[in-house]
Protein backbone atom coordinates (compact mmCIF):
# COMPACT_ATOMS: atom_id res chain seq x y z
CA MET A 1 32.13 -37.28 35.63
CA SER A 2 30.13 -38.44 32.65
CA GLY A 3 26.88 -36.65 31.94
CA THR A 4 28.00 -33.46 33.72
CA LYS A 5 28.50 -30.18 31.92
CA ILE A 6 29.57 -27.10 33.91
CA ILE A 7 27.61 -23.98 33.00
CA THR A 8 29.48 -21.51 35.25
CA ASP A 9 31.79 -21.48 38.25
CA ASN A 10 31.68 -18.76 40.93
CA ARG A 11 35.41 -17.89 41.05
CA LYS A 12 34.84 -14.65 42.93
CA ALA A 13 33.18 -16.58 45.76
CA ARG A 14 36.21 -18.91 45.97
CA HIS A 15 38.31 -15.77 46.48
CA ASN A 16 36.06 -14.11 49.07
CA TYR A 17 34.90 -17.21 51.02
CA THR A 18 36.21 -20.43 52.53
CA PHE A 19 33.90 -23.27 51.60
CA GLU A 20 33.16 -25.54 54.57
CA ASP A 21 30.56 -27.86 53.04
CA VAL A 22 29.19 -28.12 49.49
CA MET A 23 25.91 -29.87 48.61
CA GLU A 24 24.16 -30.54 45.32
CA THR A 25 20.72 -29.00 44.96
CA GLY A 26 18.08 -28.84 42.26
CA ILE A 27 16.57 -25.56 41.14
CA VAL A 28 13.14 -24.52 39.91
CA LEU A 29 13.47 -22.80 36.48
CA THR A 30 11.23 -21.78 33.56
CA GLY A 31 11.79 -22.97 30.00
CA THR A 32 13.40 -19.74 28.78
CA GLU A 33 15.79 -19.79 31.73
CA VAL A 34 16.97 -23.30 30.86
CA LYS A 35 17.50 -22.25 27.21
CA SER A 36 19.58 -19.24 28.34
CA LEU A 37 21.62 -21.51 30.61
CA ARG A 38 22.34 -23.83 27.66
CA ASN A 39 23.78 -20.74 25.94
CA GLY A 40 25.87 -20.00 29.07
CA GLN A 41 24.14 -16.64 29.75
CA VAL A 42 24.28 -16.61 33.54
CA ASN A 43 26.17 -14.65 36.22
CA LEU A 44 26.67 -15.96 39.76
CA LYS A 45 28.88 -13.08 40.96
CA ASP A 46 26.48 -11.53 43.48
CA ALA A 47 24.26 -14.52 44.09
CA TYR A 48 23.47 -15.94 47.51
CA ALA A 49 20.89 -18.28 49.06
CA GLN A 50 18.46 -17.43 51.84
CA ILE A 51 16.17 -19.56 53.98
CA LYS A 52 12.57 -18.35 54.30
CA ASN A 53 9.75 -20.31 55.89
CA GLY A 54 11.64 -23.60 55.76
CA GLU A 55 12.51 -23.21 52.05
CA VAL A 56 15.77 -22.17 50.41
CA PHE A 57 15.77 -19.49 47.72
CA LEU A 58 18.54 -18.33 45.40
CA MET A 59 18.72 -14.53 45.14
CA GLN A 60 20.48 -12.20 42.70
CA MET A 61 21.49 -14.84 40.19
CA HIS A 62 21.29 -13.15 36.78
CA ILE A 63 20.07 -15.33 33.87
CA SER A 64 19.91 -13.21 30.70
CA PRO A 65 16.54 -13.20 28.87
CA TYR A 66 16.36 -15.79 26.07
CA THR A 67 16.85 -13.96 22.77
CA HIS A 68 14.39 -16.07 20.69
CA ALA A 69 11.50 -15.88 23.19
CA TYR A 70 8.69 -13.68 22.05
CA TYR A 71 6.27 -12.85 24.85
CA ASN A 72 6.83 -15.39 27.59
CA ASN A 73 10.36 -14.39 28.78
CA HIS A 74 11.57 -14.45 32.39
CA ASP A 75 12.73 -11.75 34.79
CA PRO A 76 16.58 -11.98 34.82
CA LEU A 77 16.96 -11.46 38.59
CA ARG A 78 13.91 -13.28 39.92
CA THR A 79 14.11 -15.30 43.15
CA ARG A 80 14.48 -19.02 42.37
CA LYS A 81 13.61 -21.89 44.72
CA LEU A 82 16.25 -24.50 45.47
CA LEU A 83 15.20 -28.13 45.94
CA LEU A 84 16.55 -29.76 49.12
CA HIS A 85 15.37 -32.43 51.53
CA LYS A 86 13.91 -31.26 54.81
CA TYR A 87 16.81 -32.65 56.86
CA GLU A 88 19.28 -30.78 54.64
CA ILE A 89 17.38 -27.51 55.17
CA VAL A 90 17.30 -28.08 58.97
CA LYS A 91 21.10 -28.70 58.92
CA LEU A 92 21.56 -25.44 56.94
CA ILE A 93 19.36 -23.46 59.29
CA GLY A 94 21.49 -24.58 62.24
CA LYS A 95 24.74 -23.74 60.49
CA THR A 96 23.65 -20.34 59.12
CA LYS A 97 22.60 -19.22 62.58
CA GLU A 98 26.30 -19.39 63.53
CA LYS A 99 28.17 -16.14 63.09
CA GLY A 100 29.94 -15.60 59.76
CA TYR A 101 28.28 -18.39 57.70
CA SER A 102 26.59 -17.73 54.33
CA LEU A 103 24.99 -19.87 51.64
CA ILE A 104 26.77 -19.21 48.34
CA PRO A 105 26.23 -20.91 44.97
CA ALA A 106 29.68 -22.29 44.01
CA LYS A 107 28.86 -23.83 40.66
CA LEU A 108 25.96 -24.24 38.17
CA TYR A 109 25.96 -27.37 35.96
CA PHE A 110 23.87 -29.80 33.97
CA LYS A 111 23.75 -33.37 35.34
CA GLN A 112 21.96 -35.86 33.19
CA GLY A 113 19.97 -33.06 31.53
CA LYS A 114 18.93 -31.41 34.84
CA VAL A 115 20.25 -28.10 36.13
CA LYS A 116 22.01 -28.45 39.48
CA VAL A 117 23.53 -25.89 41.87
CA ALA A 118 26.54 -26.67 44.06
CA LEU A 119 25.47 -24.73 47.19
CA ALA A 120 28.34 -24.02 49.57
CA LEU A 121 28.15 -23.30 53.27
CA ALA A 122 30.85 -20.60 53.34
CA ARG A 123 32.61 -18.36 55.83
CA GLY A 124 33.89 -14.96 54.70
CA LYS A 125 37.66 -14.58 54.38
CA LYS A 126 39.47 -11.69 56.06
CA THR A 127 41.74 -9.49 53.94
CA TYR A 128 44.90 -11.09 55.28
CA ASP A 129 43.52 -14.56 54.41
CA LYS A 130 42.98 -13.42 50.82
CA ARG A 131 46.53 -12.02 50.65
CA HIS A 132 47.91 -15.24 52.02
CA ALA A 133 45.96 -17.31 49.48
CA ILE A 134 47.27 -15.12 46.61
CA LYS A 135 50.86 -15.43 47.92
CA GLU A 136 50.56 -19.24 48.10
CA ARG A 137 49.13 -19.45 44.58
CA GLU A 138 51.91 -17.23 43.16
CA ALA A 139 54.58 -19.29 44.94
CA LYS A 140 53.10 -22.48 43.48
CA VAL A 141 53.13 -20.97 39.95
CA THR A 142 56.73 -19.81 40.37
CA MET A 143 57.86 -23.22 41.62
CA GLY A 144 56.18 -24.92 38.65
CA ARG A 145 57.80 -22.46 36.26
CA LEU A 146 61.28 -23.03 37.82
CA ASN A 147 60.74 -26.81 37.73
CA ARG A 148 59.85 -26.71 34.03
CA GLN A 149 62.91 -24.58 33.24
CA LYS A 150 65.19 -26.92 35.15
CA HIS A 151 63.81 -30.04 33.48
CA GLY A 152 63.63 -28.39 30.07
CA SER A 153 67.37 -27.42 30.05
CA ASP A 154 68.52 -30.96 30.92
CA ASP A 155 67.19 -32.48 27.66
């Protein structure tokens, strides 16, 4: 993917949720917010999206204040508007009315100089699902390690 630079990835959300659908959205930011994002000073850990009056807003995303700004700095936890087409918002409204669905930012990245948010329609995982995912990941790592040892000793 040329012209794409990942700012941050929401790994905690990947652990706590199963992503059903991911869509790319734009986001309304101020100048100091963009400068802080270029420095990688952002936290998506507790962030979520909410639909109000036919518009989608990103809540609880923490962008640290820009260190070199003098008087015109931004509020780190302010609500930020996401830019979506009307038909996408209508689709999201229908899906989020279903039980258990949330809108979670999965990734924040620059695409051709513009900040984009990968917004995921997600369903919360149960505790046993999380344990199962951890067990599968550990088994995969162990198999890879055993495979490397087996092939490394033959040489």
